[in-house]
Amino acid sequence: MGDRSVLVKDLPTDREGSVVEITVFHQKGGHNWFHGTTETGGFYVSAQVVRIEKGHGYTSRLYAMGKGRKVKIEDAERFNAKKLAKIVETVRAALDAGTPIPSVSGMILAVAAADGVTLA
């Protein structure tokens, strides 16, 4: 997704080397081929469990297809970099304060539970 996607935070889990990755991104509206529905465009927050491996001077992030979830934060057919930055700031501040947005909090807990991890 390039610069239309921003890694907000990695939340530690009880599984060594695994984190719940929180990302904010913009998605154009259209057909979702993964589950066969039409989605409207907008800004989303996504969460998925990611395994991080370090070795020989590099770090790899390993993703499992279809394991993450997303929640729409705001409708927007067109991308706006300033709006993305503002949403990233809001989500990061809420996570840092320990009071995430309710729909985001529920999604994070569901993703962790589905993958068998607990937030540390």
PDB file of N, CA and C in Angstrom:
ATOM      1  N   MET A   1       0.819  -1.192   0.000  1.00  0.00           N
ATOM      2  CA  MET A   1       0.000   0.000   0.000  1.00  0.00           C
ATOM      3  C   MET A   1       0.859   1.250   0.000  1.00  0.00           C
ATOM      4  N   GLY A   2       2.139   1.104   0.139  1.00  0.00           N
ATOM      5  CA  GLY A   2       3.048   2.237   0.038  1.00  0.00           C
ATOM      6  C   GLY A   2       2.786   3.303   1.071  1.00  0.00           C
ATOM      7  N   ASP A   3       2.811   4.577   0.626  1.00  0.00           N
ATOM      8  CA  ASP A   3       2.640   5.684   1.553  1.00  0.00           C
ATOM      9  C   ASP A   3       1.184   5.921   1.911  1.00  0.00           C
ATOM     10  N   ARG A   4       0.294   5.055   1.497  1.00  0.00           N
ATOM     11  CA  ARG A   4      -1.104   5.139   1.917  1.00  0.00           C
ATOM     12  C   ARG A   4      -1.368   4.249   3.116  1.00  0.00           C
ATOM     13  N   SER A   5      -0.298   3.703   3.670  1.00  0.00           N
ATOM     14  CA  SER A   5      -0.370   2.820   4.821  1.00  0.00           C
ATOM     15  C   SER A   5       0.724   3.201   5.814  1.00  0.00           C
ATOM     16  N   VAL A   6       0.358   3.267   7.100  1.00  0.00           N
ATOM     17  CA  VAL A   6       1.317   3.657   8.135  1.00  0.00           C
ATOM     18  C   VAL A   6       1.246   2.653   9.287  1.00  0.00           C
ATOM     19  N   LEU A   7       2.398   2.095   9.639  1.00  0.00           N
ATOM     20  CA  LEU A   7       2.491   1.234  10.819  1.00  0.00           C
ATOM     21  C   LEU A   7       2.383   2.135  12.042  1.00  0.00           C
ATOM     22  N   VAL A   8       1.347   1.930  12.845  1.00  0.00           N
ATOM     23  CA  VAL A   8       1.102   2.774  14.005  1.00  0.00           C
ATOM     24  C   VAL A   8       1.870   2.262  15.215  1.00  0.00           C
ATOM     25  N   LYS A   9       1.751   0.956  15.474  1.00  0.00           N
ATOM     26  CA  LYS A   9       2.363   0.416  16.685  1.00  0.00           C
ATOM     27  C   LYS A   9       2.398  -1.104  16.624  1.00  0.00           C
ATOM     28  N   ASP A  10       3.418  -1.683  17.242  1.00  0.00           N
ATOM     29  CA  ASP A  10       3.486  -3.120  17.469  1.00  0.00           C
ATOM     30  C   ASP A  10       3.157  -3.357  18.930  1.00  0.00           C
ATOM     31  N   LEU A  11       2.099  -4.116  19.197  1.00  0.00           N
ATOM     32  CA  LEU A  11       1.714  -4.428  20.568  1.00  0.00           C
ATOM     33  C   LEU A  11       2.329  -5.763  20.959  1.00  0.00           C
ATOM     34  N   PRO A  12       3.097  -5.821  22.060  1.00  0.00           N
ATOM     35  CA  PRO A  12       3.744  -7.071  22.463  1.00  0.00           C
ATOM     36  C   PRO A  12       2.719  -8.122  22.883  1.00  0.00           C
ATOM     37  N   THR A  13       3.076  -9.383  22.674  1.00  0.00           N
ATOM     38  CA  THR A  13       2.211 -10.501  23.065  1.00  0.00           C
ATOM     39  C   THR A  13       2.986 -11.438  23.984  1.00  0.00           C
ATOM     40  N   ASP A  14       2.287 -12.453  24.488  1.00  0.00           N
ATOM     41  CA  ASP A  14       2.931 -13.442  25.348  1.00  0.00           C
ATOM     42  C   ASP A  14       3.720 -14.475  24.547  1.00  0.00           C
ATOM     43  N   ARG A  15       3.640 -14.462  23.222  1.00  0.00           N
ATOM     44  CA  ARG A  15       4.397 -15.389  22.379  1.00  0.00           C
ATOM     45  C   ARG A  15       5.691 -14.715  21.937  1.00  0.00           C
ATOM     46  N   GLU A  16       6.803 -15.329  22.274  1.00  0.00           N
ATOM     47  CA  GLU A  16       8.098 -14.748  21.945  1.00  0.00           C
ATOM     48  C   GLU A  16       8.233 -14.538  20.437  1.00  0.00           C
ATOM     49  N   GLY A  17       8.652 -13.328  20.053  1.00  0.00           N
ATOM     50  CA  GLY A  17       8.866 -13.013  18.651  1.00  0.00           C
ATOM     51  C   GLY A  17       7.609 -12.617  17.886  1.00  0.00           C
ATOM     52  N   SER A  18       6.458 -12.568  18.556  1.00  0.00           N
ATOM     53  CA  SER A  18       5.208 -12.188  17.893  1.00  0.00           C
ATOM     54  C   SER A  18       4.650 -10.899  18.482  1.00  0.00           C
ATOM     55  N   VAL A  19       4.087 -10.070  17.613  1.00  0.00           N
ATOM     56  CA  VAL A  19       3.433  -8.830  18.019  1.00  0.00           C
ATOM     57  C   VAL A  19       2.112  -8.708  17.272  1.00  0.00           C
ATOM     58  N   VAL A  20       1.228  -7.879  17.795  1.00  0.00           N
ATOM     59  CA  VAL A  20       0.028  -7.515  17.044  1.00  0.00           C
ATOM     60  C   VAL A  20       0.348  -6.187  16.376  1.00  0.00           C
ATOM     61  N   GLU A  21       0.404  -6.207  15.055  1.00  0.00           N
ATOM     62  CA  GLU A  21       0.753  -5.018  14.268  1.00  0.00           C
ATOM     63  C   GLU A  21      -0.511  -4.206  13.989  1.00  0.00           C
ATOM     64  N   ILE A  22      -0.477  -2.930  14.352  1.00  0.00           N
ATOM     65  CA  ILE A  22      -1.600  -2.020  14.123  1.00  0.00           C
ATOM     66  C   ILE A  22      -1.201  -1.062  13.002  1.00  0.00           C
ATOM     67  N   THR A  23      -2.024  -1.007  11.960  1.00  0.00           N
ATOM     68  CA  THR A  23      -1.744  -0.192  10.783  1.00  0.00           C
ATOM     69  C   THR A  23      -2.966   0.640  10.435  1.00  0.00           C
ATOM     70  N   VAL A  24      -2.738   1.862   9.970  1.00  0.00           N
ATOM     71  CA  VAL A  24      -3.814   2.707   9.429  1.00  0.00           C
ATOM     72  C   VAL A  24      -3.544   2.862   7.942  1.00  0.00           C
ATOM     73  N   PHE A  25      -4.586   2.708   7.128  1.00  0.00           N
ATOM     74  CA  PHE A  25      -4.401   2.829   5.682  1.00  0.00           C
ATOM     75  C   PHE A  25      -5.655   3.347   4.999  1.00  0.00           C
ATOM     76  N   HIS A  26      -5.474   3.822   3.761  1.00  0.00           N
ATOM     77  CA  HIS A  26      -6.596   4.233   2.927  1.00  0.00           C
ATOM     78  C   HIS A  26      -6.824   3.159   1.879  1.00  0.00           C
ATOM     79  N   GLN A  27      -8.080   2.847   1.645  1.00  0.00           N
ATOM     80  CA  GLN A  27      -8.447   1.863   0.639  1.00  0.00           C
ATOM     81  C   GLN A  27      -9.488   2.462  -0.288  1.00  0.00           C
ATOM     82  N   LYS A  28      -9.281   2.311  -1.583  1.00  0.00           N
ATOM     83  CA  LYS A  28     -10.281   2.750  -2.546  1.00  0.00           C
ATOM     84  C   LYS A  28     -11.489   1.829  -2.456  1.00  0.00           C
ATOM     85  N   GLY A  29     -12.628   2.343  -2.809  1.00  0.00           N
ATOM     86  CA  GLY A  29     -13.828   1.520  -2.825  1.00  0.00           C
ATOM     87  C   GLY A  29     -13.802   0.562  -3.998  1.00  0.00           C
ATOM     88  N   GLY A  30     -14.570  -0.513  -3.902  1.00  0.00           N
ATOM     89  CA  GLY A  30     -14.658  -1.468  -4.999  1.00  0.00           C
ATOM     90  C   GLY A  30     -14.914  -2.873  -4.508  1.00  0.00           C
ATOM     91  N   HIS A  31     -14.751  -3.816  -5.411  1.00  0.00           N
ATOM     92  CA  HIS A  31     -15.011  -5.227  -5.128  1.00  0.00           C
ATOM     93  C   HIS A  31     -13.844  -5.828  -4.346  1.00  0.00           C
ATOM     94  N   ASN A  32     -14.155  -6.550  -3.269  1.00  0.00           N
ATOM     95  CA  ASN A  32     -13.135  -7.259  -2.503  1.00  0.00           C
ATOM     96  C   ASN A  32     -13.149  -8.707  -2.980  1.00  0.00           C
ATOM     97  N   TRP A  33     -12.131  -9.113  -3.694  1.00  0.00           N
ATOM     98  CA  TRP A  33     -12.076 -10.448  -4.280  1.00  0.00           C
ATOM     99  C   TRP A  33     -11.849 -11.527  -3.237  1.00  0.00           C
ATOM    100  N   PHE A  34     -11.350 -11.162  -2.072  1.00  0.00           N
ATOM    101  CA  PHE A  34     -11.087 -12.149  -1.036  1.00  0.00           C
ATOM    102  C   PHE A  34     -12.385 -12.738  -0.486  1.00  0.00           C
ATOM    103  N   HIS A  35     -13.375 -11.868  -0.212  1.00  0.00           N
ATOM    104  CA  HIS A  35     -14.639 -12.392   0.322  1.00  0.00           C
ATOM    105  C   HIS A  35     -15.857 -12.045  -0.527  1.00  0.00           C
ATOM    106  N   GLY A  36     -15.653 -11.468  -1.713  1.00  0.00           N
ATOM    107  CA  GLY A  36     -16.731 -11.327  -2.689  1.00  0.00           C
ATOM    108  C   GLY A  36     -17.748 -10.232  -2.435  1.00  0.00           C
ATOM    109  N   THR A  37     -17.414  -9.224  -1.654  1.00  0.00           N
ATOM    110  CA  THR A  37     -18.344  -8.133  -1.396  1.00  0.00           C
ATOM    111  C   THR A  37     -17.792  -6.830  -1.964  1.00  0.00           C
ATOM    112  N   THR A  38     -18.650  -5.833  -2.013  1.00  0.00           N
ATOM    113  CA  THR A  38     -18.222  -4.505  -2.430  1.00  0.00           C
ATOM    114  C   THR A  38     -18.019  -3.660  -1.183  1.00  0.00           C
ATOM    115  N   GLU A  39     -16.876  -2.979  -1.134  1.00  0.00           N
ATOM    116  CA  GLU A  39     -16.555  -2.145   0.019  1.00  0.00           C
ATOM    117  C   GLU A  39     -16.455  -0.696  -0.417  1.00  0.00           C
ATOM    118  N   THR A  40     -16.845   0.201   0.482  1.00  0.00           N
ATOM    119  CA  THR A  40     -16.711   1.620   0.197  1.00  0.00           C
ATOM    120  C   THR A  40     -15.299   2.065   0.539  1.00  0.00           C
ATOM    121  N   GLY A  41     -14.854   3.143  -0.085  1.00  0.00           N
ATOM    122  CA  GLY A  41     -13.519   3.669   0.188  1.00  0.00           C
ATOM    123  C   GLY A  41     -13.457   4.371   1.526  1.00  0.00           C
ATOM    124  N   GLY A  42     -12.270   4.400   2.105  1.00  0.00           N
ATOM    125  CA  GLY A  42     -12.122   5.099   3.365  1.00  0.00           C
ATOM    126  C   GLY A  42     -10.828   4.765   4.066  1.00  0.00           C
ATOM    127  N   PHE A  43     -10.715   5.276   5.286  1.00  0.00           N
ATOM    128  CA  PHE A  43      -9.549   5.029   6.127  1.00  0.00           C
ATOM    129  C   PHE A  43      -9.885   3.897   7.096  1.00  0.00           C
ATOM    130  N   TYR A  44      -8.974   2.961   7.209  1.00  0.00           N
ATOM    131  CA  TYR A  44      -9.167   1.773   8.026  1.00  0.00           C
ATOM    132  C   TYR A  44      -8.027   1.622   9.029  1.00  0.00           C
ATOM    133  N   VAL A  45      -8.334   0.926  10.122  1.00  0.00           N
ATOM    134  CA  VAL A  45      -7.318   0.471  11.055  1.00  0.00           C
ATOM    135  C   VAL A  45      -7.319  -1.047  10.938  1.00  0.00           C
ATOM    136  N   SER A  46      -6.133  -1.634  10.785  1.00  0.00           N
ATOM    137  CA  SER A  46      -6.040  -3.092  10.701  1.00  0.00           C
ATOM    138  C   SER A  46      -5.156  -3.625  11.812  1.00  0.00           C
ATOM    139  N   ALA A  47      -5.389  -4.879  12.156  1.00  0.00           N
ATOM    140  CA  ALA A  47      -4.581  -5.561  13.166  1.00  0.00           C
ATOM    141  C   ALA A  47      -4.336  -6.980  12.693  1.00  0.00           C
ATOM    142  N   GLN A  48      -3.109  -7.452  12.881  1.00  0.00           N
ATOM    143  CA  GLN A  48      -2.799  -8.852  12.627  1.00  0.00           C
ATOM    144  C   GLN A  48      -1.569  -9.251  13.426  1.00  0.00           C
ATOM    145  N   VAL A  49      -1.523 -10.538  13.766  1.00  0.00           N
ATOM    146  CA  VAL A  49      -0.372 -11.049  14.499  1.00  0.00           C
ATOM    147  C   VAL A  49       0.751 -11.278  13.495  1.00  0.00           C
ATOM    148  N   VAL A  50       1.923 -10.752  13.824  1.00  0.00           N
ATOM    149  CA  VAL A  50       3.093 -10.828  12.952  1.00  0.00           C
ATOM    150  C   VAL A  50       4.238 -11.449  13.745  1.00  0.00           C
ATOM    151  N   ARG A  51       4.943 -12.363  13.103  1.00  0.00           N
ATOM    152  CA  ARG A  51       6.133 -12.941  13.733  1.00  0.00           C
ATOM    153  C   ARG A  51       7.348 -12.171  13.244  1.00  0.00           C
ATOM    154  N   ILE A  52       8.194 -11.755  14.171  1.00  0.00           N
ATOM    155  CA  ILE A  52       9.393 -10.997  13.827  1.00  0.00           C
ATOM    156  C   ILE A  52      10.612 -11.878  14.087  1.00  0.00           C
ATOM    157  N   GLU A  53      11.424 -12.034  13.041  1.00  0.00           N
ATOM    158  CA  GLU A  53      12.654 -12.826  13.157  1.00  0.00           C
ATOM    159  C   GLU A  53      13.847 -11.934  12.870  1.00  0.00           C
ATOM    160  N   LYS A  54      14.861 -12.046  13.718  1.00  0.00           N
ATOM    161  CA  LYS A  54      16.070 -11.248  13.539  1.00  0.00           C
ATOM    162  C   LYS A  54      17.245 -12.196  13.335  1.00  0.00           C
ATOM    163  N   GLY A  55      18.153 -11.797  12.440  1.00  0.00           N
ATOM    164  CA  GLY A  55      19.328 -12.623  12.240  1.00  0.00           C
ATOM    165  C   GLY A  55      20.222 -12.097  11.147  1.00  0.00           C
ATOM    166  N   HIS A  56      21.511 -12.253  11.330  1.00  0.00           N
ATOM    167  CA  HIS A  56      22.518 -11.895  10.330  1.00  0.00           C
ATOM    168  C   HIS A  56      22.375 -10.464   9.820  1.00  0.00           C
ATOM    169  N   GLY A  57      22.041  -9.535  10.710  1.00  0.00           N
ATOM    170  CA  GLY A  57      21.987  -8.135  10.344  1.00  0.00           C
ATOM    171  C   GLY A  57      20.702  -7.663   9.686  1.00  0.00           C
ATOM    172  N   TYR A  58      19.647  -8.455   9.709  1.00  0.00           N
ATOM    173  CA  TYR A  58      18.378  -8.034   9.122  1.00  0.00           C
ATOM    174  C   TYR A  58      17.215  -8.470  10.009  1.00  0.00           C
ATOM    175  N   THR A  59      16.056  -7.875   9.788  1.00  0.00           N
ATOM    176  CA  THR A  59      14.834  -8.240  10.501  1.00  0.00           C
ATOM    177  C   THR A  59      13.758  -8.567   9.483  1.00  0.00           C
ATOM    178  N   SER A  60      13.074  -9.687   9.679  1.00  0.00           N
ATOM    179  CA  SER A  60      11.979 -10.102   8.791  1.00  0.00           C
ATOM    180  C   SER A  60      10.668 -10.071   9.552  1.00  0.00           C
ATOM    181  N   ARG A  61       9.615  -9.655   8.863  1.00  0.00           N
ATOM    182  CA  ARG A  61       8.269  -9.686   9.428  1.00  0.00           C
ATOM    183  C   ARG A  61       7.495 -10.723   8.631  1.00  0.00           C
ATOM    184  N   LEU A  62       6.972 -11.757   9.307  1.00  0.00           N
ATOM    185  CA  LEU A  62       6.261 -12.838   8.646  1.00  0.00           C
ATOM    186  C   LEU A  62       4.763 -12.694   8.894  1.00  0.00           C
ATOM    187  N   TYR A  63       4.004 -12.630   7.801  1.00  0.00           N
ATOM    188  CA  TYR A  63       2.560 -12.432   7.852  1.00  0.00           C
ATOM    189  C   TYR A  63       1.841 -13.697   7.408  1.00  0.00           C
ATOM    190  N   ALA A  64       0.680 -13.968   7.994  1.00  0.00           N
ATOM    191  CA  ALA A  64      -0.160 -15.086   7.573  1.00  0.00           C
ATOM    192  C   ALA A  64      -1.375 -14.514   6.838  1.00  0.00           C
ATOM    193  N   MET A  65      -1.569 -14.918   5.593  1.00  0.00           N
ATOM    194  CA  MET A  65      -2.670 -14.391   4.774  1.00  0.00           C
ATOM    195  C   MET A  65      -4.031 -14.731   5.386  1.00  0.00           C
ATOM    196  N   GLY A  66      -4.904 -13.744   5.424  1.00  0.00           N
ATOM    197  CA  GLY A  66      -6.269 -13.952   5.885  1.00  0.00           C
ATOM    198  C   GLY A  66      -6.447 -13.994   7.390  1.00  0.00           C
ATOM    199  N   LYS A  67      -5.415 -13.711   8.163  1.00  0.00           N
ATOM    200  CA  LYS A  67      -5.508 -13.782   9.619  1.00  0.00           C
ATOM    201  C   LYS A  67      -5.866 -12.453  10.274  1.00  0.00           C
ATOM    202  N   GLY A  68      -5.669 -11.338   9.577  1.00  0.00           N
ATOM    203  CA  GLY A  68      -5.923 -10.030  10.162  1.00  0.00           C
ATOM    204  C   GLY A  68      -7.361  -9.575   9.994  1.00  0.00           C
ATOM    205  N   ARG A  69      -7.656  -8.446  10.610  1.00  0.00           N
ATOM    206  CA  ARG A  69      -8.981  -7.825  10.484  1.00  0.00           C
ATOM    207  C   ARG A  69      -8.797  -6.335  10.301  1.00  0.00           C
ATOM    208  N   LYS A  70      -9.856  -5.691   9.813  1.00  0.00           N
ATOM    209  CA  LYS A  70      -9.822  -4.242   9.649  1.00  0.00           C
ATOM    210  C   LYS A  70     -11.155  -3.651  10.059  1.00  0.00           C
ATOM    211  N   VAL A  71     -11.094  -2.384  10.489  1.00  0.00           N
ATOM    212  CA  VAL A  71     -12.278  -1.628  10.890  1.00  0.00           C
ATOM    213  C   VAL A  71     -12.200  -0.272  10.208  1.00  0.00           C
ATOM    214  N   LYS A  72     -13.305   0.127   9.571  1.00  0.00           N
ATOM    215  CA  LYS A  72     -13.317   1.442   8.933  1.00  0.00           C
ATOM    216  C   LYS A  72     -13.470   2.518   9.992  1.00  0.00           C
ATOM    217  N   ILE A  73     -12.608   3.538   9.878  1.00  0.00           N
ATOM    218  CA  ILE A  73     -12.635   4.668  10.805  1.00  0.00           C
ATOM    219  C   ILE A  73     -13.394   5.839  10.202  1.00  0.00           C
ATOM    220  N   GLU A  74     -13.222   6.037   8.882  1.00  0.00           N
ATOM    221  CA  GLU A  74     -13.857   7.181   8.239  1.00  0.00           C
ATOM    222  C   GLU A  74     -14.033   6.925   6.739  1.00  0.00           C
ATOM    223  N   ASP A  75     -15.204   7.309   6.203  1.00  0.00           N
ATOM    224  CA  ASP A  75     -15.429   7.230   4.759  1.00  0.00           C
ATOM    225  C   ASP A  75     -14.597   8.275   4.043  1.00  0.00           C
ATOM    226  N   ALA A  76     -14.026   7.884   2.907  1.00  0.00           N
ATOM    227  CA  ALA A  76     -13.254   8.816   2.079  1.00  0.00           C
ATOM    228  C   ALA A  76     -12.928   8.127   0.765  1.00  0.00           C
ATOM    229  N   GLU A  77     -13.598   8.539  -0.299  1.00  0.00           N
ATOM    230  CA  GLU A  77     -13.326   7.932  -1.602  1.00  0.00           C
ATOM    231  C   GLU A  77     -11.939   8.295  -2.120  1.00  0.00           C
ATOM    232  N   ARG A  78     -11.446   9.472  -1.761  1.00  0.00           N
ATOM    233  CA  ARG A  78     -10.129   9.912  -2.221  1.00  0.00           C
ATOM    234  C   ARG A  78      -9.132   9.929  -1.078  1.00  0.00           C
ATOM    235  N   PHE A  79      -7.875   9.656  -1.417  1.00  0.00           N
ATOM    236  CA  PHE A  79      -6.807   9.679  -0.431  1.00  0.00           C
ATOM    237  C   PHE A  79      -6.434  11.116  -0.092  1.00  0.00           C
ATOM    238  N   ASN A  80      -6.175  11.365   1.191  1.00  0.00           N
ATOM    239  CA  ASN A  80      -5.735  12.665   1.669  1.00  0.00           C
ATOM    240  C   ASN A  80      -4.643  12.425   2.715  1.00  0.00           C
ATOM    241  N   ALA A  81      -3.407  12.805   2.402  1.00  0.00           N
ATOM    242  CA  ALA A  81      -2.265  12.539   3.281  1.00  0.00           C
ATOM    243  C   ALA A  81      -2.422  13.206   4.647  1.00  0.00           C
ATOM    244  N   LYS A  82      -2.960  14.417   4.688  1.00  0.00           N
ATOM    245  CA  LYS A  82      -3.142  15.104   5.967  1.00  0.00           C
ATOM    246  C   LYS A  82      -4.159  14.375   6.833  1.00  0.00           C
ATOM    247  N   LYS A  83      -5.216  13.877   6.211  1.00  0.00           N
ATOM    248  CA  LYS A  83      -6.244  13.135   6.945  1.00  0.00           C
ATOM    249  C   LYS A  83      -5.659  11.827   7.482  1.00  0.00           C
ATOM    250  N   LEU A  84      -4.850  11.147   6.669  1.00  0.00           N
ATOM    251  CA  LEU A  84      -4.191   9.920   7.121  1.00  0.00           C
ATOM    252  C   LEU A  84      -3.321  10.205   8.339  1.00  0.00           C
ATOM    253  N   ALA A  85      -2.516  11.272   8.277  1.00  0.00           N
ATOM    254  CA  ALA A  85      -1.632  11.634   9.383  1.00  0.00           C
ATOM    255  C   ALA A  85      -2.431  11.926  10.657  1.00  0.00           C
ATOM    256  N   LYS A  86      -3.573  12.603  10.518  1.00  0.00           N
ATOM    257  CA  LYS A  86      -4.401  12.926  11.673  1.00  0.00           C
ATOM    258  C   LYS A  86      -4.997  11.664  12.295  1.00  0.00           C
ATOM    259  N   ILE A  87      -5.438  10.731  11.471  1.00  0.00           N
ATOM    260  CA  ILE A  87      -6.007   9.481  11.984  1.00  0.00           C
ATOM    261  C   ILE A  87      -4.926   8.648  12.662  1.00  0.00           C
ATOM    262  N   VAL A  88      -3.736   8.591  12.067  1.00  0.00           N
ATOM    263  CA  VAL A  88      -2.612   7.870  12.678  1.00  0.00           C
ATOM    264  C   VAL A  88      -2.315   8.451  14.057  1.00  0.00           C
ATOM    265  N   GLU A  89      -2.252   9.765  14.148  1.00  0.00           N
ATOM    266  CA  GLU A  89      -1.979  10.438  15.419  1.00  0.00           C
ATOM    267  C   GLU A  89      -3.047  10.107  16.465  1.00  0.00           C
ATOM    268  N   THR A  90      -4.308  10.110  16.054  1.00  0.00           N
ATOM    269  CA  THR A  90      -5.417   9.813  16.968  1.00  0.00           C
ATOM    270  C   THR A  90      -5.358   8.379  17.463  1.00  0.00           C
ATOM    271  N   VAL A  91      -5.133   7.438  16.552  1.00  0.00           N
ATOM    272  CA  VAL A  91      -5.075   6.021  16.929  1.00  0.00           C
ATOM    273  C   VAL A  91      -3.865   5.761  17.823  1.00  0.00           C
ATOM    274  N   ARG A  92      -2.714   6.310  17.469  1.00  0.00           N
ATOM    275  CA  ARG A  92      -1.500   6.121  18.274  1.00  0.00           C
ATOM    276  C   ARG A  92      -1.685   6.692  19.685  1.00  0.00           C
ATOM    277  N   ALA A  93      -2.261   7.881  19.783  1.00  0.00           N
ATOM    278  CA  ALA A  93      -2.487   8.502  21.095  1.00  0.00           C
ATOM    279  C   ALA A  93      -3.435   7.652  21.943  1.00  0.00           C
ATOM    280  N   ALA A  94      -4.484   7.123  21.327  1.00  0.00           N
ATOM    281  CA  ALA A  94      -5.435   6.287  22.055  1.00  0.00           C
ATOM    282  C   ALA A  94      -4.777   4.999  22.541  1.00  0.00           C
ATOM    283  N   LEU A  95      -3.957   4.377  21.702  1.00  0.00           N
ATOM    284  CA  LEU A  95      -3.255   3.149  22.104  1.00  0.00           C
ATOM    285  C   LEU A  95      -2.245   3.434  23.209  1.00  0.00           C
ATOM    286  N   ASP A  96      -1.500   4.533  23.081  1.00  0.00           N
ATOM    287  CA  ASP A  96      -0.497   4.893  24.090  1.00  0.00           C
ATOM    288  C   ASP A  96      -1.146   5.206  25.438  1.00  0.00           C
ATOM    289  N   ALA A  97      -2.334   5.784  25.410  1.00  0.00           N
ATOM    290  CA  ALA A  97      -3.042   6.131  26.644  1.00  0.00           C
ATOM    291  C   ALA A  97      -3.754   4.924  27.260  1.00  0.00           C
ATOM    292  N   GLY A  98      -3.778   3.816  26.521  1.00  0.00           N
ATOM    293  CA  GLY A  98      -4.463   2.626  27.024  1.00  0.00           C
ATOM    294  C   GLY A  98      -5.964   2.688  26.893  1.00  0.00           C
ATOM    295  N   THR A  99      -6.447   3.626  26.067  1.00  0.00           N
ATOM    296  CA  THR A  99      -7.890   3.762  25.852  1.00  0.00           C
ATOM    297  C   THR A  99      -8.197   3.773  24.358  1.00  0.00           C
ATOM    298  N   PRO A 100      -7.953   2.635  23.661  1.00  0.00           N
ATOM    299  CA  PRO A 100      -8.187   2.622  22.226  1.00  0.00           C
ATOM    300  C   PRO A 100      -9.658   2.811  21.871  1.00  0.00           C
ATOM    301  N   ILE A 101      -9.888   3.221  20.668  1.00  0.00           N
ATOM    302  CA  ILE A 101     -11.232   3.392  20.138  1.00  0.00           C
ATOM    303  C   ILE A 101     -11.968   2.052  20.284  1.00  0.00           C
ATOM    304  N   PRO A 102     -13.211   2.038  20.816  1.00  0.00           N
ATOM    305  CA  PRO A 102     -13.895   0.766  21.103  1.00  0.00           C
ATOM    306  C   PRO A 102     -13.899  -0.248  19.957  1.00  0.00           C
ATOM    307  N   SER A 103     -14.212   0.165  18.743  1.00  0.00           N
ATOM    308  CA  SER A 103     -14.250  -0.796  17.630  1.00  0.00           C
ATOM    309  C   SER A 103     -12.862  -1.343  17.335  1.00  0.00           C
ATOM    310  N   VAL A 104     -11.830  -0.527  17.528  1.00  0.00           N
ATOM    311  CA  VAL A 104     -10.446  -0.952  17.306  1.00  0.00           C
ATOM    312  C   VAL A 104     -10.021  -1.904  18.420  1.00  0.00           C
ATOM    313  N   SER A 105     -10.370  -1.599  19.650  1.00  0.00           N
ATOM    314  CA  SER A 105     -10.019  -2.438  20.795  1.00  0.00           C
ATOM    315  C   SER A 105     -10.593  -3.842  20.638  1.00  0.00           C
ATOM    316  N   GLY A 106     -11.860  -3.917  20.263  1.00  0.00           N
ATOM    317  CA  GLY A 106     -12.505  -5.219  20.055  1.00  0.00           C
ATOM    318  C   GLY A 106     -11.839  -6.010  18.943  1.00  0.00           C
ATOM    319  N   MET A 107     -11.467  -5.322  17.862  1.00  0.00           N
ATOM    320  CA  MET A 107     -10.804  -5.977  16.742  1.00  0.00           C
ATOM    321  C   MET A 107      -9.447  -6.526  17.171  1.00  0.00           C
ATOM    322  N   ILE A 108      -8.670  -5.747  17.932  1.00  0.00           N
ATOM    323  CA  ILE A 108      -7.347  -6.171  18.389  1.00  0.00           C
ATOM    324  C   ILE A 108      -7.470  -7.429  19.243  1.00  0.00           C
ATOM    325  N   LEU A 109      -8.400  -7.440  20.183  1.00  0.00           N
ATOM    326  CA  LEU A 109      -8.586  -8.604  21.051  1.00  0.00           C
ATOM    327  C   LEU A 109      -9.039  -9.826  20.265  1.00  0.00           C
ATOM    328  N   ALA A 110      -9.902  -9.630  19.257  1.00  0.00           N
ATOM    329  CA  ALA A 110     -10.375 -10.742  18.427  1.00  0.00           C
ATOM    330  C   ALA A 110      -9.246 -11.335  17.606  1.00  0.00           C
ATOM    331  N   VAL A 111      -8.388 -10.483  17.047  1.00  0.00           N
ATOM    332  CA  VAL A 111      -7.253 -10.967  16.252  1.00  0.00           C
ATOM    333  C   VAL A 111      -6.295 -11.760  17.141  1.00  0.00           C
ATOM    334  N   ALA A 112      -6.003 -11.243  18.314  1.00  0.00           N
ATOM    335  CA  ALA A 112      -5.094 -11.940  19.243  1.00  0.00           C
ATOM    336  C   ALA A 112      -5.681 -13.294  19.644  1.00  0.00           C
ATOM    337  N   ALA A 113      -6.948 -13.321  19.997  1.00  0.00           N
ATOM    338  CA  ALA A 113      -7.591 -14.567  20.423  1.00  0.00           C
ATOM    339  C   ALA A 113      -7.620 -15.594  19.289  1.00  0.00           C
ATOM    340  N   ALA A 114      -7.900 -15.134  18.069  1.00  0.00           N
ATOM    341  CA  ALA A 114      -7.951 -16.046  16.917  1.00  0.00           C
ATOM    342  C   ALA A 114      -6.603 -16.691  16.653  1.00  0.00           C
ATOM    343  N   ASP A 115      -5.531 -16.010  17.014  1.00  0.00           N
ATOM    344  CA  ASP A 115      -4.186 -16.531  16.765  1.00  0.00           C
ATOM    345  C   ASP A 115      -3.605 -17.198  18.012  1.00  0.00           C
ATOM    346  N   GLY A 116      -4.375 -17.219  19.095  1.00  0.00           N
ATOM    347  CA  GLY A 116      -3.943 -17.900  20.309  1.00  0.00           C
ATOM    348  C   GLY A 116      -2.887 -17.166  21.123  1.00  0.00           C
ATOM    349  N   VAL A 117      -2.874 -15.825  21.015  1.00  0.00           N
ATOM    350  CA  VAL A 117      -1.937 -15.041  21.813  1.00  0.00           C
ATOM    351  C   VAL A 117      -2.706 -14.099  22.736  1.00  0.00           C
ATOM    352  N   THR A 118      -2.017 -13.632  23.746  1.00  0.00           N
ATOM    353  CA  THR A 118      -2.581 -12.648  24.684  1.00  0.00           C
ATOM    354  C   THR A 118      -1.673 -11.422  24.643  1.00  0.00           C
ATOM    355  N   LEU A 119      -2.272 -10.252  24.700  1.00  0.00           N
ATOM    356  CA  LEU A 119      -1.469  -9.039  24.747  1.00  0.00           C
ATOM    357  C   LEU A 119      -0.709  -8.975  26.059  1.00  0.00           C
ATOM    358  N   ALA A 120       0.556  -8.600  25.973  1.00  0.00           N
ATOM    359  CA  ALA A 120       1.394  -8.539  27.172  1.00  0.00           C
ATOM    360  C   ALA A 120       1.169  -7.239  27.915  1.00  0.00           C
TER     361      ALA A 120
END
